[in-house]
Amino acid sequence: MKKAKMTLVSEFTAAKIDKRIYGSFIEHLGRAVYGGIYEPGHPLADEDGFRTDVIEEIKKINVPIVRYPGGNFVSGYNWEDGVGPVELRPKKLELAWGVVEPNLFGTNEFMKWCKKAGTECMMAVNLGLRGAEEARNLVEYCNHPKGSYYSDLRRSHGYEEPHNIKLWCLGNEMDGDWQIGHKTAYEYGRAAGEAAKVMKWTDPTIETVLCGSSNMGMKTFGEWEAQTLDLAYDKVDYVSLHLYFDNRPDDTASFLAKSMVMDDFIKTVVCICDYIKGKKHSKHNVNLSFDEWNVWYHSNDDYVERWSTAPHQLEDIYNFEDALLVALMLMTLLKHADRVKVACLAQLVNVIAPIMTENGGKCWEQTIFYPYMHLSNFGRGYTLLSNVESPKHDTKEFTDVPDIEALATMSEDKNSLTVFAVNRNLDEDVLFDISLLDFDGFEVLEHIEMSGYDVKAENSVNACPVKPFTAEKPVLDGKNLTVNLKPLSWNVIRLEKRK
């Protein structure tokens, strides 16, 4: 049998985990809002039209922050259209996705929903067709207590207390020619820097996120980050990364190795940030916001009727191998928790999402729901340095792919330890030996596992056969924990210090 090894020491922490690394994303796209989180008239809708069944699913994942309202949508969005009396709000042609936006749901509704869902808002401003003035007006509307035009406008809309939104995206994917108001690096860097400046003058407590490259395949990748950061460095706190993976052509082994690409992407952007920091002799540190990431390809060819409202759009149905890659991607983010402080699984409901709904009917959990839930709930506190020794294999696209990808997190009080592991090997078990050098008095609570499913197996509204189960507890012999990791498996081993 193949063997792998991990060594853990409680004092050897890699980084404190920012809870926002488990964030998600709601865009005015498809049925994410209308029919997703908001559906007045649904049997389980509350007095505000929010689906309570969806809120309960979101609470299971423990989502700390949700990016809103886009996405490509935000580059053509006038935030003023989504506030005030609903009956006076305009219907607009939404050019990013070719649909009609009714503006029945906007900033205040989203903030009210956030409170009920137990999450916070990561607000995006329009730097496509609009600029610094509209951005600072929105900050004033949302965050200033009272006594100014926009804060008093908010109060007249029934929201006396400020929303106090602390994290703001400076536009979206402005390097892409598909983006409304697409800009060159120089144009965007100047616009973002000026917007961030006046937004922070309006509320000095906020943080801002600069748009990085839409993906690392862009011809301008690297140069875009360098030039925009050079122009806006000391006015921003994070630079964004976006990345989606597909399985075309169908090759499970290569597909599961793609988290290695994500790892390289993060390392490259960190280097660029630090290069600009050094160039400017700055003491300011710019970290990373990986605010769009997921598997996305099942629905790319779906037909959507032009100028419809809230159509079924980009509703990927995920399978078991997708869940494994989502687990691998989340672990990659955690391995870089020293610099990745924010991340958003795109998206949360219906649109390339872990949670799906029927209009007027049920909601259900996709395969990718489970690793997201496990990591968000159990992966808090600190990441531990770990020297993982694993056998490796080659695929058609990659060489030296570790069979075992593993990571350990420790709670802030040092009384809980969780080991997360994926066995990428398609056919063979791997015996995983975990040395707990100074975790005295710990015992195994449980071993949660997902394995044995066909890689193409899916869940649906009628049945969710692909889900985690409780496996046999691994053997803890003194300070050595030994667990058998089945081929193509997701594993969560939880330990706790005896009281």
Protein backbone atom coordinates (compact mmCIF):
# COMPACT_ATOMS: atom_id res chain seq x y z
CA MET A 1 0.00 0.00 0.00
CA LYS A 2 1.16 3.54 -0.72
CA LYS A 3 2.07 5.68 2.28
CA ALA A 4 2.09 9.41 3.06
CA LYS A 5 3.10 11.38 6.12
CA MET A 6 2.34 14.69 7.84
CA THR A 7 4.07 16.20 10.88
CA LEU A 8 2.31 18.77 13.06
CA VAL A 9 3.52 20.99 15.92
CA SER A 10 1.08 23.32 17.68
CA GLU A 11 3.64 26.14 17.95
CA PHE A 12 4.42 26.06 14.24
CA THR A 13 1.54 28.09 12.86
CA ALA A 14 1.61 29.30 9.26
CA ALA A 15 -1.04 32.03 9.54
CA LYS A 16 -4.11 33.18 11.38
CA ILE A 17 -7.15 32.45 9.22
CA ASP A 18 -9.28 35.44 8.31
CA LYS A 19 -12.86 34.15 8.47
CA ARG A 20 -13.64 36.08 5.26
CA ILE A 21 -11.72 33.43 3.33
CA TYR A 22 -14.99 31.45 3.45
CA GLY A 23 -17.01 34.17 1.72
CA SER A 24 -19.38 33.82 -1.21
CA PHE A 25 -21.06 35.91 -3.88
CA ILE A 26 -24.56 37.03 -4.89
CA GLU A 27 -24.86 38.78 -8.26
CA HIS A 28 -27.93 40.07 -10.04
CA LEU A 29 -27.61 37.18 -12.47
CA GLY A 30 -30.03 34.40 -13.31
CA ARG A 31 -31.95 33.23 -10.25
CA ALA A 32 -29.35 34.15 -7.64
CA VAL A 33 -31.53 36.95 -6.27
CA TYR A 34 -35.01 36.48 -7.74
CA GLY A 35 -36.05 32.91 -6.99
CA GLY A 36 -32.87 32.34 -4.99
CA ILE A 37 -32.54 34.41 -1.84
CA TYR A 38 -35.64 36.52 -2.59
CA GLU A 39 -39.01 35.08 -3.62
CA PRO A 40 -42.07 36.84 -2.23
CA GLY A 41 -45.05 34.52 -2.26
CA HIS A 42 -42.98 31.39 -1.69
CA PRO A 43 -44.49 29.22 1.08
CA LEU A 44 -41.31 29.67 3.12
CA ALA A 45 -40.73 33.36 2.40
CA ASP A 46 -40.72 35.70 5.39
CA GLU A 47 -42.33 39.14 5.64
CA ASP A 48 -39.51 40.64 3.53
CA GLY A 49 -39.77 38.02 0.78
CA PHE A 50 -36.56 36.24 1.82
CA ARG A 51 -36.59 32.47 1.48
CA THR A 52 -36.08 31.12 4.99
CA ASP A 53 -35.17 27.65 3.71
CA VAL A 54 -32.27 29.17 1.76
CA ILE A 55 -31.16 31.20 4.78
CA GLU A 56 -31.04 28.01 6.86
CA GLU A 57 -28.84 26.33 4.23
CA ILE A 58 -26.51 29.35 4.18
CA LYS A 59 -26.23 29.24 7.97
CA LYS A 60 -25.08 25.63 7.72
CA ILE A 61 -22.08 26.83 5.71
CA ASN A 62 -21.45 29.69 8.13
CA VAL A 63 -20.77 32.23 5.36
CA PRO A 64 -19.04 35.28 6.88
CA ILE A 65 -19.24 37.71 3.96
CA VAL A 66 -21.06 37.92 0.61
CA ARG A 67 -19.91 39.99 -2.36
CA TYR A 68 -22.70 42.04 -4.00
CA PRO A 69 -24.15 43.07 -6.53
CA GLY A 70 -21.61 41.83 -9.08
CA GLY A 71 -19.76 40.71 -11.07
CA ASN A 72 -20.22 41.91 -14.60
CA PHE A 73 -23.60 43.30 -13.57
CA VAL A 74 -22.08 46.06 -11.44
CA SER A 75 -20.32 47.78 -14.35
CA GLY A 76 -23.67 48.93 -15.76
CA TYR A 77 -25.56 49.31 -12.48
CA ASN A 78 -26.84 52.59 -11.06
CA TRP A 79 -27.16 51.96 -7.35
CA GLU A 80 -29.78 54.70 -7.09
CA ASP A 81 -32.14 52.51 -9.17
CA GLY A 82 -32.26 49.96 -6.36
CA VAL A 83 -33.16 52.17 -3.40
CA GLY A 84 -36.27 54.04 -2.34
CA PRO A 85 -39.92 53.09 -2.92
CA VAL A 86 -40.06 49.86 -4.91
CA GLU A 87 -42.99 51.06 -7.02
CA LEU A 88 -40.89 53.98 -8.29
CA ARG A 89 -37.83 51.94 -9.27
CA PRO A 90 -37.12 51.60 -13.01
CA LYS A 91 -36.90 48.40 -14.99
CA LYS A 92 -33.64 48.44 -16.93
CA LEU A 93 -32.05 46.49 -19.78
CA GLU A 94 -29.17 44.69 -18.11
CA LEU A 95 -26.48 44.54 -20.77
CA ALA A 96 -23.93 42.29 -19.06
CA TRP A 97 -26.22 39.24 -19.12
CA GLY A 98 -28.85 40.29 -21.70
CA VAL A 99 -31.83 40.34 -19.33
CA VAL A 100 -34.22 42.83 -17.73
CA GLU A 101 -33.42 43.97 -14.19
CA PRO A 102 -36.65 44.91 -12.34
CA ASN A 103 -34.82 46.53 -9.39
CA LEU A 104 -37.24 45.04 -6.88
CA PHE A 105 -34.24 44.14 -4.73
CA GLY A 106 -31.36 46.51 -4.04
CA THR A 107 -28.84 47.73 -1.50
CA ASN A 108 -31.14 48.08 1.52
CA GLU A 109 -32.91 44.79 0.87
CA PHE A 110 -29.54 43.07 0.60
CA MET A 111 -28.31 44.57 3.87
CA LYS A 112 -31.49 43.48 5.63
CA TRP A 113 -31.02 39.98 4.15
CA CYS A 114 -27.39 39.90 5.38
CA LYS A 115 -28.51 40.44 8.95
CA LYS A 116 -31.04 37.63 8.72
CA ALA A 117 -28.50 35.30 7.07
CA GLY A 118 -25.85 36.10 9.69
CA THR A 119 -23.35 37.46 7.20
CA GLU A 120 -21.69 40.73 6.15
CA CYS A 121 -21.56 42.59 2.85
CA MET A 122 -18.63 43.05 0.48
CA MET A 123 -19.98 45.84 -1.71
CA ALA A 124 -18.84 46.46 -5.28
CA VAL A 125 -19.00 49.90 -6.91
CA ASN A 126 -19.49 50.65 -10.61
CA LEU A 127 -16.22 51.81 -12.17
CA GLY A 128 -17.32 50.80 -15.65
CA LEU A 129 -19.83 53.47 -16.71
CA ARG A 130 -19.46 55.48 -13.49
CA GLY A 131 -16.65 56.73 -11.32
CA ALA A 132 -15.35 58.20 -8.07
CA GLU A 133 -18.32 60.52 -7.44
CA GLU A 134 -20.97 57.82 -7.59
CA ALA A 135 -18.75 55.49 -5.53
CA ARG A 136 -18.23 57.96 -2.69
CA ASN A 137 -21.96 58.81 -2.76
CA LEU A 138 -22.77 55.16 -2.18
CA VAL A 139 -20.32 55.02 0.75
CA GLU A 140 -22.02 58.09 2.21
CA TYR A 141 -25.46 56.55 1.67
CA CYS A 142 -24.46 53.27 3.34
CA ASN A 143 -22.06 54.34 6.08
CA HIS A 144 -22.54 57.96 7.16
CA PRO A 145 -24.81 58.24 10.23
CA LYS A 146 -26.85 61.33 9.36
CA GLY A 147 -26.78 65.00 8.51
CA SER A 148 -25.68 64.78 4.87
CA TYR A 149 -27.64 64.45 1.65
CA TYR A 150 -27.08 60.74 1.00
CA SER A 151 -27.17 59.61 4.63
CA ASP A 152 -30.45 61.45 5.09
CA LEU A 153 -31.72 59.93 1.84
CA ARG A 154 -31.07 56.49 3.33
CA ARG A 155 -32.93 57.51 6.48
CA SER A 156 -35.86 58.71 4.39
CA HIS A 157 -35.94 55.23 2.83
CA GLY A 158 -36.55 53.73 6.27
CA TYR A 159 -32.99 52.84 7.33
CA GLU A 160 -32.04 55.22 10.12
CA GLU A 161 -28.90 53.37 11.19
CA PRO A 162 -25.91 53.19 8.80
CA HIS A 163 -25.08 49.84 7.23
CA ASN A 164 -21.37 50.20 8.09
CA ILE A 165 -20.07 48.20 5.12
CA LYS A 166 -16.33 47.79 5.63
CA LEU A 167 -15.10 46.07 2.46
CA TRP A 168 -15.51 47.60 -1.02
CA CYS A 169 -14.60 46.27 -4.48
CA LEU A 170 -13.37 48.91 -6.92
CA GLY A 171 -15.28 47.62 -9.94
CA ASN A 172 -15.07 44.18 -11.53
CA GLU A 173 -12.78 42.56 -14.13
CA MET A 174 -11.95 45.87 -15.77
CA ASP A 175 -9.20 44.26 -17.86
CA GLY A 176 -11.76 42.26 -19.89
CA ASP A 177 -13.18 43.65 -23.14
CA TRP A 178 -16.49 41.92 -22.26
CA GLN A 179 -16.80 44.32 -19.32
CA ILE A 180 -19.06 47.35 -19.64
CA GLY A 181 -16.68 50.31 -19.50
CA HIS A 182 -13.57 48.18 -20.08
CA LYS A 183 -10.38 50.13 -19.37
CA THR A 184 -6.67 49.91 -19.97
CA ALA A 185 -4.46 49.32 -16.94
CA TYR A 186 -3.57 53.00 -16.80
CA GLU A 187 -7.18 54.15 -17.13
CA TYR A 188 -8.36 51.75 -14.46
CA GLY A 189 -5.46 52.34 -12.09
CA ARG A 190 -6.12 56.08 -12.12
CA ALA A 191 -9.90 55.64 -11.75
CA ALA A 192 -9.57 53.09 -8.94
CA GLY A 193 -7.02 55.15 -7.06
CA GLU A 194 -9.17 58.27 -7.18
CA ALA A 195 -12.31 56.34 -6.21
CA ALA A 196 -10.57 54.67 -3.27
CA LYS A 197 -9.22 58.04 -2.12
CA VAL A 198 -12.59 59.79 -1.90
CA MET A 199 -14.33 56.68 -0.58
CA LYS A 200 -11.85 56.56 2.30
CA TRP A 201 -12.16 60.30 2.84
CA THR A 202 -15.89 59.68 3.25
CA ASP A 203 -15.31 56.78 5.66
CA PRO A 204 -11.70 56.19 6.77
CA THR A 205 -12.58 52.83 8.33
CA ILE A 206 -13.27 51.01 5.05
CA GLU A 207 -10.97 48.72 3.05
CA THR A 208 -10.81 48.58 -0.74
CA VAL A 209 -10.09 45.86 -3.29
CA LEU A 210 -8.31 46.65 -6.55
CA CYS A 211 -9.34 44.61 -9.61
CA GLY A 212 -6.59 42.22 -10.62
CA SER A 213 -6.65 40.21 -13.83
CA SER A 214 -9.89 38.45 -14.74
CA ASN A 215 -7.87 35.26 -15.01
CA MET A 216 -4.23 34.30 -15.32
CA GLY A 217 -4.74 33.46 -19.00
CA MET A 218 -5.20 37.13 -19.90
CA LYS A 219 -2.42 38.46 -22.17
CA THR A 220 -1.98 41.38 -19.79
CA PHE A 221 -1.74 39.23 -16.64
CA GLY A 222 1.12 40.41 -14.47
CA GLU A 223 1.61 43.70 -16.24
CA TRP A 224 -1.99 44.64 -15.35
CA GLU A 225 -1.37 44.02 -11.65
CA ALA A 226 1.97 45.84 -11.71
CA GLN A 227 0.68 48.94 -13.50
CA THR A 228 -2.60 49.32 -11.60
CA LEU A 229 -0.89 48.77 -8.25
CA ASP A 230 1.80 51.26 -9.21
CA LEU A 231 -0.93 53.86 -9.67
CA ALA A 232 -3.11 53.02 -6.66
CA TYR A 233 -0.92 51.07 -4.22
CA ASP A 234 -1.20 53.14 -1.05
CA LYS A 235 -4.96 53.69 -1.51
CA VAL A 236 -5.96 50.00 -1.70
CA ASP A 237 -5.77 47.09 0.72
CA TYR A 238 -6.27 44.05 -1.51
CA VAL A 239 -5.91 43.00 -5.12
CA SER A 240 -8.46 40.56 -6.53
CA LEU A 241 -7.92 37.21 -8.23
CA HIS A 242 -10.54 35.30 -10.26
CA LEU A 243 -10.25 31.70 -11.40
CA TYR A 244 -12.62 29.02 -12.70
CA PHE A 245 -11.73 25.48 -13.72
CA ASP A 246 -13.37 23.10 -16.17
CA ASN A 247 -12.91 19.46 -17.09
CA ARG A 248 -12.58 19.73 -20.87
CA PRO A 249 -11.53 17.34 -22.27
CA ASP A 250 -12.83 14.85 -19.73
CA ASP A 251 -9.75 13.87 -17.70
CA THR A 252 -10.36 13.40 -13.97
CA ALA A 253 -6.68 13.05 -13.03
CA SER A 254 -5.70 16.33 -14.71
CA PHE A 255 -8.85 18.05 -13.45
CA LEU A 256 -8.00 17.29 -9.83
CA ALA A 257 -4.45 18.54 -10.33
CA LYS A 258 -5.64 22.02 -11.36
CA SER A 259 -5.46 23.31 -7.79
CA MET A 260 -1.71 23.42 -8.45
CA VAL A 261 -2.43 26.16 -11.03
CA MET A 262 -4.29 28.10 -8.36
CA ASP A 263 -1.28 27.76 -6.08
CA ASP A 264 1.03 29.22 -8.75
CA PHE A 265 -1.46 32.03 -9.45
CA ILE A 266 -1.44 33.10 -5.80
CA LYS A 267 2.35 32.98 -5.52
CA THR A 268 2.75 35.11 -8.66
CA VAL A 269 0.37 37.84 -7.53
CA VAL A 270 1.99 37.95 -4.08
CA CYS A 271 5.35 38.53 -5.77
CA ILE A 272 3.93 41.40 -7.86
CA CYS A 273 2.37 43.05 -4.79
CA ASP A 274 5.65 42.87 -2.92
CA TYR A 275 7.62 44.12 -5.93
CA ILE A 276 5.49 47.27 -6.07
CA LYS A 277 5.77 47.65 -2.30
CA GLY A 278 9.55 47.56 -2.62
CA LYS A 279 9.59 49.84 -5.64
CA LYS A 280 7.62 52.46 -3.72
CA HIS A 281 9.57 51.97 -0.47
CA SER A 282 6.15 51.59 1.13
CA LYS A 283 5.35 50.22 4.57
CA HIS A 284 1.83 49.41 3.39
CA ASN A 285 1.02 45.74 2.75
CA VAL A 286 -1.44 44.78 -0.02
CA ASN A 287 -2.98 41.35 0.49
CA LEU A 288 -5.13 39.16 -1.77
CA SER A 289 -8.89 38.88 -2.23
CA PHE A 290 -9.68 35.74 -4.25
CA ASP A 291 -13.21 37.00 -4.73
CA GLU A 292 -14.30 34.68 -7.55
CA TRP A 293 -13.40 31.01 -7.68
CA ASN A 294 -15.18 27.76 -8.49
CA VAL A 295 -15.69 24.98 -11.02
CA TRP A 296 -17.71 26.37 -13.93
CA TYR A 297 -18.38 24.74 -17.27
CA HIS A 298 -21.48 22.55 -17.15
CA SER A 299 -23.84 25.38 -18.11
CA ASN A 300 -21.66 27.41 -20.48
CA ASP A 301 -23.74 26.57 -23.54
CA ASP A 302 -27.18 27.09 -22.01
CA TYR A 303 -29.65 29.17 -24.05
CA VAL A 304 -31.19 32.18 -22.31
CA GLU A 305 -34.03 34.16 -23.85
CA ARG A 306 -32.87 37.73 -24.38
CA TRP A 307 -34.53 40.38 -22.18
CA SER A 308 -36.20 37.84 -19.93
CA THR A 309 -36.24 38.38 -16.15
CA ALA A 310 -34.44 36.06 -13.72
CA PRO A 311 -34.08 33.16 -16.18
CA HIS A 312 -32.48 29.81 -15.42
CA GLN A 313 -28.93 30.90 -16.20
CA LEU A 314 -25.54 29.33 -15.44
CA GLU A 315 -27.10 26.66 -13.23
CA ASP A 316 -24.28 24.13 -13.17
CA ILE A 317 -25.24 20.76 -11.70
CA TYR A 318 -22.11 19.59 -9.90
CA ASN A 319 -20.80 16.05 -9.59
CA PHE A 320 -18.49 14.23 -7.19
CA GLU A 321 -15.21 15.13 -8.91
CA ASP A 322 -16.27 18.79 -8.79
CA ALA A 323 -16.64 18.49 -5.01
CA LEU A 324 -13.13 17.08 -4.74
CA LEU A 325 -11.66 19.96 -6.73
CA VAL A 326 -13.61 22.54 -4.69
CA ALA A 327 -12.10 20.97 -1.56
CA LEU A 328 -8.63 21.17 -3.10
CA MET A 329 -9.13 24.81 -4.10
CA LEU A 330 -10.30 25.80 -0.63
CA MET A 331 -7.31 24.06 0.93
CA THR A 332 -5.05 25.95 -1.47
CA LEU A 333 -6.54 29.23 -0.27
CA LEU A 334 -5.94 28.21 3.34
CA LYS A 335 -2.32 27.30 2.62
CA HIS A 336 -1.85 30.94 1.65
CA ALA A 337 -3.85 32.38 4.55
CA ASP A 338 -0.93 34.66 5.39
CA ARG A 339 -1.77 36.69 2.25
CA VAL A 340 -5.22 35.52 1.10
CA LYS A 341 -7.51 37.31 3.53
CA VAL A 342 -10.76 37.29 1.55
CA ALA A 343 -12.19 34.72 -0.87
CA CYS A 344 -15.62 34.26 -2.41
CA LEU A 345 -16.97 31.02 -3.82
CA ALA A 346 -18.86 32.19 -6.89
CA GLN A 347 -21.72 31.99 -6.40
CA LEU A 348 -23.99 31.12 -3.47
CA VAL A 349 -27.47 30.23 -4.78
CA ASN A 350 -28.58 28.80 -8.16
CA VAL A 351 -25.84 30.41 -10.28
CA ILE A 352 -22.78 28.06 -10.26
CA ALA A 353 -23.71 27.48 -6.65
CA PRO A 354 -23.66 25.01 -3.76
CA ILE A 355 -27.35 25.68 -3.04
CA MET A 356 -30.13 25.22 -5.61
CA THR A 357 -33.82 26.09 -5.49
CA GLU A 358 -37.05 25.44 -7.33
CA ASN A 359 -39.24 28.48 -7.91
CA GLY A 360 -42.08 27.97 -5.48
CA GLY A 361 -40.58 24.68 -4.34
CA LYS A 362 -37.71 23.04 -2.51
CA CYS A 363 -34.05 23.91 -2.08
CA TRP A 364 -31.26 21.33 -2.08
CA GLU A 365 -27.54 20.86 -1.55
CA GLN A 366 -25.14 20.28 -4.42
CA THR A 367 -22.07 18.05 -4.07
CA ILE A 368 -19.78 21.06 -3.60
CA PHE A 369 -21.83 22.20 -0.60
CA TYR A 370 -20.19 19.68 1.72
CA PRO A 371 -16.45 20.44 1.54
CA TYR A 372 -17.33 24.14 1.71
CA MET A 373 -19.40 23.48 4.83
CA HIS A 374 -16.71 21.34 6.47
CA LEU A 375 -13.87 23.77 5.88
CA SER A 376 -15.90 26.84 6.88
CA ASN A 377 -17.10 25.28 10.11
CA PHE A 378 -13.99 23.37 11.16
CA GLY A 379 -11.20 25.30 9.44
CA ARG A 380 -11.08 28.33 11.72
CA GLY A 381 -8.23 29.63 13.87
CA TYR A 382 -4.75 28.96 12.49
CA THR A 383 -3.26 26.98 9.65
CA LEU A 384 -0.36 24.83 10.78
CA LEU A 385 2.93 24.37 9.01
CA SER A 386 2.98 20.79 7.78
CA ASN A 387 5.60 18.81 6.00
CA VAL A 388 3.45 16.49 3.89
CA GLU A 389 5.35 13.68 2.23
CA SER A 390 3.25 11.99 -0.44
CA PRO A 391 3.71 9.67 -3.39
CA LYS A 392 3.20 11.45 -6.70
CA HIS A 393 1.82 10.71 -10.13
CA ASP A 394 1.73 12.26 -13.57
CA THR A 395 -1.32 13.14 -15.65
CA LYS A 396 -1.76 14.17 -19.27
CA GLU A 397 -1.40 17.83 -18.26
CA PHE A 398 0.68 17.80 -15.07
CA THR A 399 3.74 16.11 -13.60
CA ASP A 400 4.59 15.34 -9.98
CA VAL A 401 1.06 15.63 -8.69
CA PRO A 402 0.88 14.62 -4.98
CA ASP A 403 -1.54 11.79 -4.33
CA ILE A 404 -2.35 13.34 -0.96
CA GLU A 405 -3.15 17.00 -0.54
CA ALA A 406 -3.55 17.75 3.16
CA LEU A 407 -3.82 20.67 5.54
CA ALA A 408 -4.33 21.07 9.30
CA THR A 409 -6.01 23.88 11.23
CA MET A 410 -5.99 24.57 14.95
CA SER A 411 -8.56 26.55 16.91
CA GLU A 412 -7.49 29.78 18.59
CA ASP A 413 -7.67 28.18 22.04
CA LYS A 414 -5.48 25.30 20.77
CA ASN A 415 -8.01 22.74 21.98
CA SER A 416 -9.30 21.61 18.57
CA LEU A 417 -7.35 20.24 15.63
CA THR A 418 -8.72 19.34 12.20
CA VAL A 419 -6.92 17.57 9.38
CA PHE A 420 -8.35 17.94 5.88
CA ALA A 421 -7.15 15.61 3.14
CA VAL A 422 -7.94 14.62 -0.44
CA ASN A 423 -6.61 11.45 -2.02
CA ARG A 424 -6.31 12.33 -5.70
CA ASN A 425 -5.26 8.82 -6.67
CA LEU A 426 -7.93 7.30 -8.89
CA ASP A 427 -7.36 3.68 -7.89
CA GLU A 428 -5.26 3.19 -4.77
CA ASP A 429 -5.67 3.64 -1.03
CA VAL A 430 -2.96 5.63 0.73
CA LEU A 431 -2.02 5.01 4.36
CA PHE A 432 -1.65 8.47 5.90
CA ASP A 433 0.48 8.77 9.03
CA ILE A 434 0.06 12.00 11.03
CA SER A 435 2.64 12.76 13.72
CA LEU A 436 1.21 14.95 16.48
CA LEU A 437 4.46 15.95 18.15
CA ASP A 438 3.09 18.10 20.97
CA PHE A 439 -0.68 17.59 20.88
CA ASP A 440 -0.82 15.86 24.23
CA GLY A 441 -4.14 14.63 25.55
CA PHE A 442 -6.02 14.79 22.25
CA GLU A 443 -8.61 12.28 21.11
CA VAL A 444 -10.30 11.64 17.77
CA LEU A 445 -13.84 12.98 17.62
CA GLU A 446 -14.80 11.81 14.14
CA HIS A 447 -13.70 11.03 10.63
CA ILE A 448 -16.01 12.50 7.99
CA GLU A 449 -15.56 11.06 4.52
CA MET A 450 -16.84 11.35 0.97
CA SER A 451 -15.70 8.46 -1.18
CA GLY A 452 -16.87 5.56 -3.31
CA TYR A 453 -19.06 7.62 -5.64
CA ASP A 454 -18.87 7.62 -9.40
CA VAL A 455 -17.00 10.79 -10.37
CA LYS A 456 -20.00 11.91 -12.45
CA ALA A 457 -22.59 11.25 -9.72
CA GLU A 458 -24.81 14.25 -8.95
CA ASN A 459 -27.43 15.41 -6.48
CA SER A 460 -30.85 16.71 -7.48
CA VAL A 461 -33.99 18.18 -5.97
CA ASN A 462 -35.40 14.66 -5.68
CA ALA A 463 -32.37 12.92 -4.16
CA CYS A 464 -28.95 13.78 -2.75
CA PRO A 465 -26.99 10.52 -2.90
CA VAL A 466 -23.56 12.21 -2.96
CA LYS A 467 -22.99 13.35 0.59
CA PRO A 468 -20.56 12.86 3.47
CA PHE A 469 -20.79 10.00 5.93
CA THR A 470 -19.15 9.09 9.21
CA ALA A 471 -16.24 6.72 8.65
CA GLU A 472 -14.47 4.51 11.17
CA LYS A 473 -12.35 6.54 13.55
CA PRO A 474 -8.64 6.35 12.72
CA VAL A 475 -6.24 4.83 15.19
CA LEU A 476 -4.45 7.25 17.54
CA ASP A 477 -1.45 5.46 19.07
CA GLY A 478 0.25 7.88 21.42
CA LYS A 479 1.17 10.78 19.17
CA ASN A 480 0.76 8.94 15.87
CA LEU A 481 -2.53 9.05 14.02
CA THR A 482 -2.95 6.60 11.16
CA VAL A 483 -5.82 6.81 8.68
CA ASN A 484 -6.51 4.98 5.44
CA LEU A 485 -7.43 7.44 2.70
CA LYS A 486 -9.52 5.78 0.03
CA PRO A 487 -9.00 6.59 -3.65
CA LEU A 488 -10.79 9.75 -4.79
CA SER A 489 -11.83 10.73 -1.29
CA TRP A 490 -12.47 13.84 0.79
CA ASN A 491 -11.58 13.41 4.45
CA VAL A 492 -12.09 15.50 7.59
CA ILE A 493 -10.44 14.17 10.77
CA ARG A 494 -11.42 16.11 13.88
CA LEU A 495 -9.56 15.90 17.17
CA GLU A 496 -10.13 17.62 20.49
CA LYS A 497 -8.20 17.96 23.71
CA ARG A 498 -9.71 15.95 26.53
CA LYS A 499 -11.16 18.11 29.30
